[in-house]
Amino acid sequence: MKFFVDTAEIDAIRDLAATGLLDGVTTNPSLIAKSGRDFKEVTAEICAIVDGPVSAEVVALDHATMMKEAEVLRKIADNVCIKVPLTVDGLKTCKALSSEGTMVNVTLCFSANQALLAAKAGATFISPFVGRHDDNGFDGMDLIEDIRLIYDNYNFATEILVASVRHTTHVLQAAKIGADVMTAPPKVIHDLFKHVLTDKGIEGFMADWAKTGQSIL
């Protein structure tokens, strides 16, 4: 499963990229707004740090303007992935861009039927929001299971990008189901490294090492 980080904070992206475990980045207008910086400038800087797909979202709601915005965004770098909403106009834009060889991430997916439409429109990624699904009384991981089944039934190439990830259990469940990608805030990715027994083990090893009075260097 690929790991994308869901942020526009440059330092956080650079820190995770240094681990060698980061496969891509997702952004959205809300995350860019939090950074307080120019949208295109931030996107270009992220693309220079990460080799994998960097999702940059259009903000128009009509197909014609989405295409104009996408034209600007995809010129920023070769690894820009155009992010569009799961609407009729969004899928029109997805079909047009994917037909030209441009990566497209269809976002704000909340049903398996929507995911089916996105795959038929040629989406590179479909982004079902599991956390928001959970918030509204549904099981977000059931949605991932349904999409995985449908995509496998018809051999769709669209990758399932699990979004709105709130905690490490979401990551585990997504991996067990067979999601292609998950995107999470930096904190959730860092939490994947943590375990109380790992901490205790290190503490014990260090205490025993100190008793030897030795040094490797």
N, C-alpha and C. Protein backbone atom coordinates (compact mmCIF):
# COMPACT_ATOMS: atom_id res chain seq x y z
N MET A 1 0.84 -1.19 0.00
CA MET A 1 0.00 0.00 0.00
C MET A 1 0.88 1.25 0.00
N LYS A 2 0.57 2.18 -0.89
CA LYS A 2 1.33 3.42 -0.96
C LYS A 2 0.91 4.35 0.17
N PHE A 3 1.88 5.13 0.65
CA PHE A 3 1.63 6.10 1.71
C PHE A 3 1.74 7.51 1.13
N PHE A 4 0.63 8.24 1.16
CA PHE A 4 0.63 9.66 0.82
C PHE A 4 0.42 10.43 2.12
N VAL A 5 0.95 11.65 2.19
CA VAL A 5 0.69 12.50 3.35
C VAL A 5 -0.28 13.60 2.93
N ASP A 6 -1.22 13.87 3.80
CA ASP A 6 -2.28 14.84 3.51
C ASP A 6 -1.97 16.15 4.23
N THR A 7 -1.19 16.99 3.58
CA THR A 7 -0.78 18.25 4.18
C THR A 7 -0.17 19.15 3.12
N ALA A 8 -0.07 20.45 3.46
CA ALA A 8 0.64 21.40 2.61
C ALA A 8 1.81 22.01 3.37
N GLU A 9 2.14 21.43 4.53
CA GLU A 9 3.24 21.92 5.33
C GLU A 9 4.56 21.35 4.81
N ILE A 10 5.39 22.22 4.27
CA ILE A 10 6.62 21.81 3.61
C ILE A 10 7.57 21.05 4.54
N ASP A 11 7.75 21.54 5.76
CA ASP A 11 8.68 20.88 6.68
C ASP A 11 8.22 19.47 7.02
N ALA A 12 6.91 19.29 7.19
CA ALA A 12 6.38 17.96 7.51
C ALA A 12 6.58 17.01 6.33
N ILE A 13 6.39 17.50 5.12
CA ILE A 13 6.58 16.68 3.93
C ILE A 13 8.04 16.30 3.77
N ARG A 14 8.92 17.27 3.97
CA ARG A 14 10.36 17.00 3.83
C ARG A 14 10.82 15.97 4.87
N ASP A 15 10.29 16.09 6.08
CA ASP A 15 10.65 15.17 7.16
C ASP A 15 10.23 13.74 6.82
N LEU A 16 9.01 13.57 6.32
CA LEU A 16 8.53 12.23 5.98
C LEU A 16 9.22 11.69 4.73
N ALA A 17 9.51 12.57 3.78
CA ALA A 17 10.20 12.14 2.56
C ALA A 17 11.58 11.56 2.89
N ALA A 18 12.20 12.09 3.94
CA ALA A 18 13.53 11.63 4.34
C ALA A 18 13.53 10.19 4.83
N THR A 19 12.36 9.68 5.24
CA THR A 19 12.27 8.28 5.69
C THR A 19 12.32 7.30 4.52
N GLY A 20 12.04 7.80 3.33
CA GLY A 20 11.99 6.92 2.16
C GLY A 20 10.69 6.16 2.04
N LEU A 21 9.72 6.46 2.92
CA LEU A 21 8.45 5.74 2.94
C LEU A 21 7.30 6.51 2.29
N LEU A 22 7.57 7.72 1.86
CA LEU A 22 6.51 8.58 1.34
C LEU A 22 6.40 8.43 -0.18
N ASP A 23 5.19 8.08 -0.64
CA ASP A 23 4.98 7.82 -2.07
C ASP A 23 4.28 8.97 -2.79
N GLY A 24 3.72 9.92 -2.06
CA GLY A 24 3.01 11.01 -2.71
C GLY A 24 2.42 11.96 -1.68
N VAL A 25 1.74 13.00 -2.17
CA VAL A 25 1.16 14.02 -1.30
C VAL A 25 -0.22 14.39 -1.83
N THR A 26 -1.16 14.61 -0.91
CA THR A 26 -2.46 15.15 -1.29
C THR A 26 -2.64 16.50 -0.62
N THR A 27 -3.17 17.44 -1.38
CA THR A 27 -3.50 18.75 -0.81
C THR A 27 -4.93 19.08 -1.20
N ASN A 28 -5.46 20.12 -0.59
CA ASN A 28 -6.78 20.63 -0.97
C ASN A 28 -6.83 22.10 -0.60
N PRO A 29 -7.84 22.84 -1.04
CA PRO A 29 -7.89 24.27 -0.74
C PRO A 29 -7.82 24.59 0.75
N SER A 30 -8.40 23.74 1.60
CA SER A 30 -8.36 23.98 3.04
C SER A 30 -6.95 23.87 3.59
N LEU A 31 -6.20 22.88 3.14
CA LEU A 31 -4.83 22.69 3.60
C LEU A 31 -3.93 23.82 3.12
N ILE A 32 -4.12 24.25 1.87
CA ILE A 32 -3.33 25.36 1.34
C ILE A 32 -3.63 26.63 2.14
N ALA A 33 -4.90 26.83 2.47
CA ALA A 33 -5.28 28.02 3.23
C ALA A 33 -4.58 28.04 4.59
N LYS A 34 -4.47 26.87 5.22
CA LYS A 34 -3.81 26.79 6.52
C LYS A 34 -2.34 27.14 6.42
N SER A 35 -1.72 26.86 5.28
CA SER A 35 -0.30 27.16 5.11
C SER A 35 -0.07 28.66 4.98
N GLY A 36 -1.10 29.40 4.55
CA GLY A 36 -0.99 30.84 4.39
C GLY A 36 -0.09 31.27 3.25
N ARG A 37 0.16 30.37 2.31
CA ARG A 37 1.08 30.68 1.21
C ARG A 37 0.38 30.59 -0.14
N ASP A 38 1.08 31.02 -1.19
CA ASP A 38 0.54 30.98 -2.54
C ASP A 38 0.36 29.53 -2.99
N PHE A 39 -0.80 29.25 -3.56
CA PHE A 39 -1.16 27.88 -3.95
C PHE A 39 -0.17 27.26 -4.93
N LYS A 40 0.13 27.97 -6.01
CA LYS A 40 1.01 27.42 -7.03
C LYS A 40 2.45 27.29 -6.53
N GLU A 41 2.85 28.24 -5.71
CA GLU A 41 4.20 28.20 -5.14
C GLU A 41 4.38 27.01 -4.23
N VAL A 42 3.39 26.77 -3.37
CA VAL A 42 3.45 25.62 -2.46
C VAL A 42 3.45 24.30 -3.24
N THR A 43 2.59 24.21 -4.24
CA THR A 43 2.50 22.99 -5.05
C THR A 43 3.83 22.69 -5.74
N ALA A 44 4.45 23.71 -6.29
CA ALA A 44 5.74 23.53 -6.97
C ALA A 44 6.81 23.05 -6.00
N GLU A 45 6.81 23.60 -4.80
CA GLU A 45 7.80 23.21 -3.80
C GLU A 45 7.60 21.76 -3.36
N ILE A 46 6.34 21.37 -3.19
CA ILE A 46 6.05 19.98 -2.82
C ILE A 46 6.49 19.02 -3.93
N CYS A 47 6.21 19.37 -5.16
CA CYS A 47 6.57 18.53 -6.30
C CYS A 47 8.07 18.33 -6.42
N ALA A 48 8.83 19.29 -5.94
CA ALA A 48 10.29 19.19 -5.99
C ALA A 48 10.84 18.27 -4.90
N ILE A 49 10.05 18.07 -3.84
CA ILE A 49 10.47 17.22 -2.73
C ILE A 49 10.11 15.76 -2.97
N VAL A 50 8.91 15.55 -3.53
CA VAL A 50 8.35 14.20 -3.69
C VAL A 50 8.33 13.80 -5.15
N ASP A 51 8.82 12.59 -5.45
CA ASP A 51 8.82 12.10 -6.83
C ASP A 51 7.44 11.62 -7.27
N GLY A 52 6.63 11.15 -6.32
CA GLY A 52 5.34 10.57 -6.65
C GLY A 52 4.28 11.62 -6.89
N PRO A 53 3.02 11.19 -7.09
CA PRO A 53 1.93 12.11 -7.40
C PRO A 53 1.67 13.14 -6.30
N VAL A 54 1.44 14.37 -6.72
CA VAL A 54 1.07 15.44 -5.82
C VAL A 54 -0.28 15.98 -6.28
N SER A 55 -1.32 15.73 -5.49
CA SER A 55 -2.67 16.14 -5.89
C SER A 55 -2.86 17.64 -5.66
N ALA A 56 -3.24 18.33 -6.73
CA ALA A 56 -3.55 19.76 -6.67
C ALA A 56 -4.99 19.92 -7.15
N GLU A 57 -5.83 20.53 -6.32
CA GLU A 57 -7.27 20.53 -6.58
C GLU A 57 -7.75 21.78 -7.31
N VAL A 58 -8.59 21.58 -8.30
CA VAL A 58 -9.26 22.71 -8.94
C VAL A 58 -10.30 23.26 -7.98
N VAL A 59 -10.65 24.54 -8.17
CA VAL A 59 -11.65 25.14 -7.29
C VAL A 59 -12.91 25.56 -8.05
N ALA A 60 -12.87 25.46 -9.38
CA ALA A 60 -14.06 25.77 -10.18
C ALA A 60 -15.07 24.64 -10.04
N LEU A 61 -16.33 24.95 -10.34
CA LEU A 61 -17.38 23.94 -10.27
C LEU A 61 -17.92 23.55 -11.64
N ASP A 62 -17.57 24.31 -12.68
CA ASP A 62 -18.04 23.97 -14.02
C ASP A 62 -16.89 23.39 -14.84
N HIS A 63 -17.25 22.52 -15.77
CA HIS A 63 -16.27 21.76 -16.54
C HIS A 63 -15.29 22.66 -17.29
N ALA A 64 -15.79 23.67 -17.96
CA ALA A 64 -14.93 24.52 -18.78
C ALA A 64 -13.85 25.20 -17.95
N THR A 65 -14.24 25.73 -16.80
CA THR A 65 -13.27 26.43 -15.96
C THR A 65 -12.34 25.43 -15.27
N MET A 66 -12.86 24.27 -14.91
CA MET A 66 -12.00 23.22 -14.34
C MET A 66 -10.87 22.89 -15.31
N MET A 67 -11.19 22.79 -16.59
CA MET A 67 -10.18 22.46 -17.59
C MET A 67 -9.13 23.56 -17.69
N LYS A 68 -9.57 24.80 -17.60
CA LYS A 68 -8.62 25.92 -17.65
C LYS A 68 -7.69 25.90 -16.43
N GLU A 69 -8.27 25.63 -15.26
CA GLU A 69 -7.45 25.57 -14.04
C GLU A 69 -6.49 24.38 -14.11
N ALA A 70 -6.98 23.25 -14.61
CA ALA A 70 -6.14 22.06 -14.72
C ALA A 70 -4.96 22.32 -15.64
N GLU A 71 -5.18 23.08 -16.69
CA GLU A 71 -4.10 23.40 -17.64
C GLU A 71 -2.99 24.17 -16.93
N VAL A 72 -3.37 25.08 -16.05
CA VAL A 72 -2.37 25.84 -15.29
C VAL A 72 -1.65 24.93 -14.29
N LEU A 73 -2.41 24.13 -13.58
CA LEU A 73 -1.84 23.29 -12.53
C LEU A 73 -0.90 22.22 -13.06
N ARG A 74 -1.25 21.60 -14.17
CA ARG A 74 -0.40 20.50 -14.65
C ARG A 74 0.89 21.00 -15.28
N LYS A 75 0.99 22.29 -15.50
CA LYS A 75 2.25 22.86 -16.00
C LYS A 75 3.25 23.10 -14.88
N ILE A 76 2.80 23.00 -13.63
CA ILE A 76 3.68 23.24 -12.49
C ILE A 76 4.80 22.20 -12.44
N ALA A 77 4.43 20.93 -12.64
CA ALA A 77 5.42 19.84 -12.60
C ALA A 77 4.81 18.59 -13.23
N ASP A 78 5.67 17.68 -13.65
CA ASP A 78 5.19 16.45 -14.30
C ASP A 78 4.45 15.53 -13.35
N ASN A 79 4.70 15.66 -12.04
CA ASN A 79 4.06 14.74 -11.09
C ASN A 79 2.81 15.34 -10.44
N VAL A 80 2.29 16.44 -11.00
CA VAL A 80 1.02 16.98 -10.51
C VAL A 80 -0.13 16.06 -10.94
N CYS A 81 -0.99 15.75 -9.98
CA CYS A 81 -2.20 14.97 -10.23
C CYS A 81 -3.38 15.91 -9.99
N ILE A 82 -4.20 16.11 -11.00
CA ILE A 82 -5.30 17.05 -10.88
C ILE A 82 -6.43 16.43 -10.05
N LYS A 83 -6.85 17.17 -9.04
CA LYS A 83 -7.89 16.69 -8.14
C LYS A 83 -9.20 17.37 -8.49
N VAL A 84 -10.25 16.57 -8.71
CA VAL A 84 -11.56 17.11 -9.07
C VAL A 84 -12.62 16.52 -8.16
N PRO A 85 -13.71 17.25 -7.93
CA PRO A 85 -14.79 16.73 -7.09
C PRO A 85 -15.65 15.71 -7.83
N LEU A 86 -16.30 14.84 -7.07
CA LEU A 86 -17.14 13.82 -7.69
C LEU A 86 -18.52 14.41 -7.99
N THR A 87 -18.55 15.17 -9.08
CA THR A 87 -19.77 15.77 -9.61
C THR A 87 -19.82 15.45 -11.10
N VAL A 88 -20.92 15.76 -11.74
CA VAL A 88 -21.02 15.53 -13.18
C VAL A 88 -19.92 16.29 -13.91
N ASP A 89 -19.73 17.56 -13.57
CA ASP A 89 -18.69 18.34 -14.23
C ASP A 89 -17.29 17.85 -13.86
N GLY A 90 -17.16 17.40 -12.62
CA GLY A 90 -15.87 16.86 -12.21
C GLY A 90 -15.49 15.62 -13.00
N LEU A 91 -16.47 14.75 -13.25
CA LEU A 91 -16.18 13.53 -14.01
C LEU A 91 -16.01 13.82 -15.49
N LYS A 92 -16.69 14.84 -16.01
CA LYS A 92 -16.42 15.26 -17.39
C LYS A 92 -14.95 15.69 -17.52
N THR A 93 -14.51 16.44 -16.53
CA THR A 93 -13.12 16.91 -16.52
C THR A 93 -12.16 15.74 -16.36
N CYS A 94 -12.52 14.80 -15.49
CA CYS A 94 -11.70 13.60 -15.30
C CYS A 94 -11.53 12.85 -16.60
N LYS A 95 -12.63 12.63 -17.31
CA LYS A 95 -12.58 11.90 -18.58
C LYS A 95 -11.69 12.61 -19.59
N ALA A 96 -11.84 13.93 -19.69
CA ALA A 96 -11.05 14.70 -20.66
C ALA A 96 -9.57 14.67 -20.31
N LEU A 97 -9.24 14.86 -19.05
CA LEU A 97 -7.84 14.90 -18.64
C LEU A 97 -7.18 13.53 -18.72
N SER A 98 -7.88 12.51 -18.25
CA SER A 98 -7.30 11.16 -18.28
C SER A 98 -7.09 10.69 -19.72
N SER A 99 -7.95 11.13 -20.63
CA SER A 99 -7.80 10.78 -22.05
C SER A 99 -6.54 11.41 -22.64
N GLU A 100 -6.09 12.49 -22.01
CA GLU A 100 -4.86 13.16 -22.46
C GLU A 100 -3.62 12.66 -21.73
N GLY A 101 -3.80 11.69 -20.83
CA GLY A 101 -2.67 11.13 -20.11
C GLY A 101 -2.35 11.82 -18.80
N THR A 102 -3.22 12.72 -18.35
CA THR A 102 -3.01 13.43 -17.09
C THR A 102 -3.57 12.62 -15.93
N MET A 103 -2.81 12.54 -14.85
CA MET A 103 -3.30 11.85 -13.64
C MET A 103 -4.44 12.65 -13.03
N VAL A 104 -5.49 11.94 -12.58
CA VAL A 104 -6.64 12.60 -11.98
C VAL A 104 -7.03 11.87 -10.69
N ASN A 105 -7.23 12.66 -9.63
CA ASN A 105 -7.70 12.15 -8.36
C ASN A 105 -9.12 12.67 -8.15
N VAL A 106 -10.09 11.77 -8.15
CA VAL A 106 -11.48 12.17 -7.93
C VAL A 106 -11.77 12.10 -6.43
N THR A 107 -12.13 13.25 -5.86
CA THR A 107 -12.25 13.35 -4.41
C THR A 107 -13.71 13.50 -3.96
N LEU A 108 -13.88 13.47 -2.64
CA LEU A 108 -15.21 13.58 -2.01
C LEU A 108 -16.14 12.45 -2.45
N CYS A 109 -15.60 11.24 -2.40
CA CYS A 109 -16.39 10.04 -2.72
C CYS A 109 -16.97 9.47 -1.43
N PHE A 110 -18.29 9.22 -1.45
CA PHE A 110 -18.96 8.69 -0.27
C PHE A 110 -19.83 7.47 -0.56
N SER A 111 -19.79 6.95 -1.79
CA SER A 111 -20.55 5.74 -2.10
C SER A 111 -19.80 4.92 -3.13
N ALA A 112 -20.10 3.62 -3.12
CA ALA A 112 -19.48 2.72 -4.09
C ALA A 112 -19.96 3.03 -5.51
N ASN A 113 -21.20 3.48 -5.64
CA ASN A 113 -21.70 3.86 -6.96
C ASN A 113 -20.91 5.04 -7.53
N GLN A 114 -20.59 6.01 -6.67
CA GLN A 114 -19.77 7.13 -7.11
C GLN A 114 -18.39 6.64 -7.56
N ALA A 115 -17.83 5.71 -6.81
CA ALA A 115 -16.52 5.16 -7.16
C ALA A 115 -16.56 4.44 -8.50
N LEU A 116 -17.66 3.76 -8.78
CA LEU A 116 -17.83 3.08 -10.06
C LEU A 116 -17.83 4.09 -11.20
N LEU A 117 -18.54 5.20 -11.02
CA LEU A 117 -18.57 6.25 -12.04
C LEU A 117 -17.18 6.82 -12.29
N ALA A 118 -16.44 7.06 -11.22
CA ALA A 118 -15.10 7.64 -11.35
C ALA A 118 -14.17 6.71 -12.13
N ALA A 119 -14.28 5.41 -11.85
CA ALA A 119 -13.45 4.44 -12.57
C ALA A 119 -13.79 4.44 -14.05
N LYS A 120 -15.09 4.50 -14.37
CA LYS A 120 -15.51 4.52 -15.76
C LYS A 120 -15.06 5.81 -16.47
N ALA A 121 -14.87 6.88 -15.67
CA ALA A 121 -14.40 8.14 -16.24
C ALA A 121 -12.88 8.17 -16.38
N GLY A 122 -12.22 7.09 -15.97
CA GLY A 122 -10.77 7.00 -16.16
C GLY A 122 -9.93 7.57 -15.05
N ALA A 123 -10.50 7.71 -13.85
CA ALA A 123 -9.75 8.28 -12.73
C ALA A 123 -8.50 7.46 -12.43
N THR A 124 -7.42 8.15 -12.12
CA THR A 124 -6.20 7.47 -11.66
C THR A 124 -6.40 7.01 -10.23
N PHE A 125 -6.99 7.90 -9.42
CA PHE A 125 -7.28 7.60 -8.02
C PHE A 125 -8.72 7.97 -7.70
N ILE A 126 -9.33 7.19 -6.82
CA ILE A 126 -10.62 7.57 -6.24
C ILE A 126 -10.38 7.75 -4.74
N SER A 127 -10.89 8.86 -4.18
CA SER A 127 -10.63 9.17 -2.78
C SER A 127 -11.91 9.08 -1.93
N PRO A 128 -12.22 7.89 -1.40
CA PRO A 128 -13.34 7.76 -0.47
C PRO A 128 -12.92 8.30 0.90
N PHE A 129 -13.79 9.07 1.55
CA PHE A 129 -13.48 9.72 2.82
C PHE A 129 -14.01 8.86 3.98
N VAL A 130 -13.14 8.03 4.54
CA VAL A 130 -13.61 7.10 5.57
C VAL A 130 -13.92 7.79 6.89
N GLY A 131 -13.10 8.77 7.28
CA GLY A 131 -13.33 9.46 8.54
C GLY A 131 -14.65 10.22 8.55
N ARG A 132 -14.91 10.94 7.49
CA ARG A 132 -16.17 11.69 7.42
C ARG A 132 -17.36 10.74 7.35
N HIS A 133 -17.16 9.59 6.72
CA HIS A 133 -18.21 8.57 6.66
C HIS A 133 -18.54 8.10 8.09
N ASP A 134 -17.48 7.81 8.85
CA ASP A 134 -17.66 7.39 10.24
C ASP A 134 -18.39 8.46 11.05
N ASP A 135 -18.03 9.73 10.81
CA ASP A 135 -18.63 10.84 11.56
C ASP A 135 -20.15 10.92 11.39
N ASN A 136 -20.62 10.40 10.26
CA ASN A 136 -22.04 10.50 9.95
C ASN A 136 -22.80 9.19 10.17
N GLY A 137 -22.21 8.32 11.00
CA GLY A 137 -22.92 7.12 11.41
C GLY A 137 -22.78 5.92 10.49
N PHE A 138 -21.85 6.00 9.51
CA PHE A 138 -21.61 4.88 8.61
C PHE A 138 -20.23 4.29 8.91
N ASP A 139 -19.98 3.10 8.40
CA ASP A 139 -18.67 2.48 8.56
C ASP A 139 -17.86 2.75 7.30
N GLY A 140 -16.88 3.64 7.42
CA GLY A 140 -16.08 4.01 6.26
C GLY A 140 -15.34 2.84 5.63
N MET A 141 -14.94 1.87 6.42
CA MET A 141 -14.18 0.74 5.87
C MET A 141 -15.08 -0.22 5.09
N ASP A 142 -16.37 -0.25 5.42
CA ASP A 142 -17.31 -1.02 4.59
C ASP A 142 -17.33 -0.46 3.18
N LEU A 143 -17.24 0.85 3.08
CA LEU A 143 -17.20 1.50 1.75
C LEU A 143 -15.96 1.06 0.98
N ILE A 144 -14.82 0.99 1.65
CA ILE A 144 -13.58 0.56 0.98
C ILE A 144 -13.72 -0.88 0.49
N GLU A 145 -14.32 -1.73 1.31
CA GLU A 145 -14.53 -3.13 0.91
C GLU A 145 -15.41 -3.22 -0.34
N ASP A 146 -16.48 -2.43 -0.37
CA ASP A 146 -17.38 -2.46 -1.53
C ASP A 146 -16.67 -1.99 -2.80
N ILE A 147 -15.89 -0.92 -2.68
CA ILE A 147 -15.17 -0.41 -3.85
C ILE A 147 -14.14 -1.42 -4.33
N ARG A 148 -13.42 -2.04 -3.38
CA ARG A 148 -12.41 -3.05 -3.75
C ARG A 148 -13.05 -4.20 -4.53
N LEU A 149 -14.22 -4.65 -4.06
CA LEU A 149 -14.93 -5.75 -4.73
C LEU A 149 -15.33 -5.35 -6.15
N ILE A 150 -15.91 -4.17 -6.29
CA ILE A 150 -16.37 -3.72 -7.61
C ILE A 150 -15.20 -3.54 -8.57
N TYR A 151 -14.13 -2.92 -8.10
CA TYR A 151 -12.98 -2.69 -8.97
C TYR A 151 -12.34 -4.02 -9.39
N ASP A 152 -12.29 -4.97 -8.47
CA ASP A 152 -11.73 -6.29 -8.80
C ASP A 152 -12.63 -7.05 -9.76
N ASN A 153 -13.94 -6.88 -9.62
CA ASN A 153 -14.89 -7.55 -10.51
C ASN A 153 -14.65 -7.18 -11.97
N TYR A 154 -14.29 -5.93 -12.19
CA TYR A 154 -14.19 -5.42 -13.56
C TYR A 154 -12.78 -5.01 -13.97
N ASN A 155 -11.80 -5.35 -13.11
CA ASN A 155 -10.40 -5.06 -13.42
C ASN A 155 -10.15 -3.59 -13.73
N PHE A 156 -10.82 -2.70 -13.00
CA PHE A 156 -10.57 -1.27 -13.17
C PHE A 156 -9.15 -0.94 -12.72
N ALA A 157 -8.50 -0.05 -13.44
CA ALA A 157 -7.13 0.35 -13.10
C ALA A 157 -7.11 1.44 -12.04
N THR A 158 -8.23 2.08 -11.79
CA THR A 158 -8.31 3.16 -10.80
C THR A 158 -7.86 2.65 -9.42
N GLU A 159 -6.98 3.41 -8.78
CA GLU A 159 -6.47 3.02 -7.48
C GLU A 159 -7.32 3.61 -6.36
N ILE A 160 -7.59 2.78 -5.35
CA ILE A 160 -8.38 3.23 -4.19
C ILE A 160 -7.45 3.94 -3.23
N LEU A 161 -7.71 5.26 -3.07
CA LEU A 161 -6.91 6.10 -2.20
C LEU A 161 -7.75 6.43 -0.96
N VAL A 162 -7.49 5.75 0.13
CA VAL A 162 -8.28 5.94 1.35
C VAL A 162 -7.94 7.28 1.97
N ALA A 163 -8.94 8.17 2.03
CA ALA A 163 -8.73 9.53 2.53
C ALA A 163 -9.52 9.78 3.81
N SER A 164 -9.30 10.94 4.40
CA SER A 164 -9.93 11.30 5.67
C SER A 164 -9.59 10.25 6.74
N VAL A 165 -8.32 9.83 6.72
CA VAL A 165 -7.83 8.84 7.69
C VAL A 165 -7.59 9.55 9.02
N ARG A 166 -8.19 9.02 10.08
CA ARG A 166 -8.15 9.68 11.38
C ARG A 166 -7.18 9.05 12.38
N HIS A 167 -6.86 7.76 12.18
CA HIS A 167 -6.04 7.06 13.17
C HIS A 167 -5.39 5.85 12.51
N THR A 168 -4.49 5.21 13.26
CA THR A 168 -3.71 4.10 12.70
C THR A 168 -4.56 2.88 12.40
N THR A 169 -5.69 2.71 13.10
CA THR A 169 -6.56 1.57 12.82
C THR A 169 -7.14 1.68 11.41
N HIS A 170 -7.45 2.90 10.97
CA HIS A 170 -7.90 3.09 9.59
C HIS A 170 -6.84 2.59 8.61
N VAL A 171 -5.58 2.87 8.91
CA VAL A 171 -4.49 2.44 8.03
C VAL A 171 -4.42 0.92 7.98
N LEU A 172 -4.48 0.29 9.15
CA LEU A 172 -4.43 -1.17 9.23
C LEU A 172 -5.59 -1.81 8.47
N GLN A 173 -6.79 -1.29 8.69
CA GLN A 173 -7.96 -1.86 8.02
C GLN A 173 -7.88 -1.68 6.51
N ALA A 174 -7.40 -0.54 6.07
CA ALA A 174 -7.27 -0.28 4.64
C ALA A 174 -6.28 -1.26 4.01
N ALA A 175 -5.18 -1.52 4.71
CA ALA A 175 -4.17 -2.46 4.20
C ALA A 175 -4.72 -3.88 4.14
N LYS A 176 -5.51 -4.27 5.15
CA LYS A 176 -6.08 -5.62 5.18
C LYS A 176 -7.09 -5.81 4.05
N ILE A 177 -7.83 -4.76 3.73
CA ILE A 177 -8.82 -4.84 2.65
C ILE A 177 -8.15 -4.88 1.28
N GLY A 178 -6.98 -4.25 1.20
CA GLY A 178 -6.27 -4.23 -0.07
C GLY A 178 -6.36 -2.91 -0.81
N ALA A 179 -6.53 -1.81 -0.06
CA ALA A 179 -6.53 -0.49 -0.68
C ALA A 179 -5.16 -0.24 -1.31
N ASP A 180 -5.15 0.52 -2.38
CA ASP A 180 -3.90 0.78 -3.08
C ASP A 180 -3.06 1.86 -2.42
N VAL A 181 -3.74 2.85 -1.85
CA VAL A 181 -3.09 4.02 -1.28
C VAL A 181 -3.86 4.46 -0.04
N MET A 182 -3.16 5.05 0.91
CA MET A 182 -3.86 5.76 1.98
C MET A 182 -3.16 7.11 2.12
N THR A 183 -3.95 8.14 2.43
CA THR A 183 -3.36 9.45 2.71
C THR A 183 -3.81 9.88 4.09
N ALA A 184 -2.85 10.36 4.87
CA ALA A 184 -3.14 10.71 6.26
C ALA A 184 -2.32 11.91 6.67
N PRO A 185 -2.78 12.62 7.71
CA PRO A 185 -1.99 13.73 8.24
C PRO A 185 -0.65 13.22 8.77
N PRO A 186 0.35 14.08 8.86
CA PRO A 186 1.67 13.64 9.35
C PRO A 186 1.61 12.92 10.70
N LYS A 187 0.77 13.40 11.62
CA LYS A 187 0.70 12.79 12.95
C LYS A 187 0.31 11.32 12.88
N VAL A 188 -0.66 10.99 12.04
CA VAL A 188 -1.11 9.60 11.93
C VAL A 188 0.02 8.72 11.39
N ILE A 189 0.75 9.22 10.40
CA ILE A 189 1.86 8.44 9.85
C ILE A 189 2.93 8.24 10.90
N HIS A 190 3.25 9.27 11.66
CA HIS A 190 4.25 9.13 12.73
C HIS A 190 3.76 8.16 13.80
N ASP A 191 2.47 8.13 14.06
CA ASP A 191 1.92 7.21 15.07
C ASP A 191 2.10 5.75 14.66
N LEU A 192 2.24 5.49 13.37
CA LEU A 192 2.44 4.12 12.91
C LEU A 192 3.74 3.52 13.44
N PHE A 193 4.71 4.37 13.72
CA PHE A 193 6.00 3.90 14.23
C PHE A 193 5.94 3.49 15.69
N LYS A 194 4.92 3.97 16.40
CA LYS A 194 4.92 3.88 17.85
C LYS A 194 4.30 2.58 18.38
N HIS A 195 4.95 2.05 19.42
CA HIS A 195 4.36 0.94 20.18
C HIS A 195 5.01 0.96 21.56
N VAL A 196 4.22 0.77 22.59
CA VAL A 196 4.74 0.84 23.95
C VAL A 196 5.84 -0.20 24.19
N LEU A 197 5.73 -1.37 23.58
CA LEU A 197 6.74 -2.41 23.78
C LEU A 197 8.04 -2.08 23.07
N THR A 198 7.95 -1.37 21.95
CA THR A 198 9.17 -0.89 21.28
C THR A 198 9.89 0.10 22.19
N ASP A 199 9.12 1.02 22.77
CA ASP A 199 9.72 2.01 23.68
C ASP A 199 10.38 1.34 24.87
N LYS A 200 9.68 0.35 25.44
CA LYS A 200 10.23 -0.36 26.59
C LYS A 200 11.48 -1.15 26.21
N GLY A 201 11.44 -1.74 25.02
CA GLY A 201 12.59 -2.52 24.56
C GLY A 201 13.83 -1.64 24.40
N ILE A 202 13.64 -0.47 23.80
CA ILE A 202 14.76 0.46 23.62
C ILE A 202 15.30 0.90 24.98
N GLU A 203 14.37 1.21 25.88
CA GLU A 203 14.78 1.64 27.23
C GLU A 203 15.63 0.58 27.90
N GLY A 204 15.20 -0.70 27.78
CA GLY A 204 15.96 -1.79 28.38
C GLY A 204 17.32 -1.98 27.74
N PHE A 205 17.36 -1.94 26.41
CA PHE A 205 18.62 -2.10 25.70
C PHE A 205 19.62 -1.00 26.10
N MET A 206 19.12 0.24 26.18
CA MET A 206 20.00 1.36 26.49
C MET A 206 20.53 1.26 27.92
N ALA A 207 19.69 0.79 28.82
CA ALA A 207 20.13 0.62 30.21
C ALA A 207 21.21 -0.44 30.31
N ASP A 208 21.02 -1.56 29.60
CA ASP A 208 22.01 -2.63 29.61
C ASP A 208 23.31 -2.18 28.95
N TRP A 209 23.20 -1.41 27.89
CA TRP A 209 24.39 -0.93 27.17
C TRP A 209 25.19 0.02 28.05
N ALA A 210 24.48 0.88 28.77
CA ALA A 210 25.16 1.83 29.64
C ALA A 210 25.99 1.12 30.69
N LYS A 211 25.52 -0.04 31.15
CA LYS A 211 26.24 -0.80 32.18
C LYS A 211 27.58 -1.34 31.68
N THR A 212 27.68 -1.54 30.36
CA THR A 212 28.93 -2.09 29.82
C THR A 212 30.04 -1.06 29.80
N GLY A 213 29.68 0.23 29.81
CA GLY A 213 30.68 1.28 29.75
C GLY A 213 31.37 1.38 28.40
N GLN A 214 30.81 0.76 27.39
CA GLN A 214 31.44 0.75 26.07
C GLN A 214 30.85 1.85 25.15
N SER A 215 31.54 2.04 24.01
CA SER A 215 31.07 2.98 23.00
C SER A 215 31.35 2.42 21.62
N ILE A 216 30.40 2.50 20.73
CA ILE A 216 30.62 2.01 19.37
C ILE A 216 31.52 2.96 18.60
N LEU A 217 31.41 4.25 18.86
CA LEU A 217 32.23 5.24 18.15
C LEU A 217 33.51 5.54 18.93
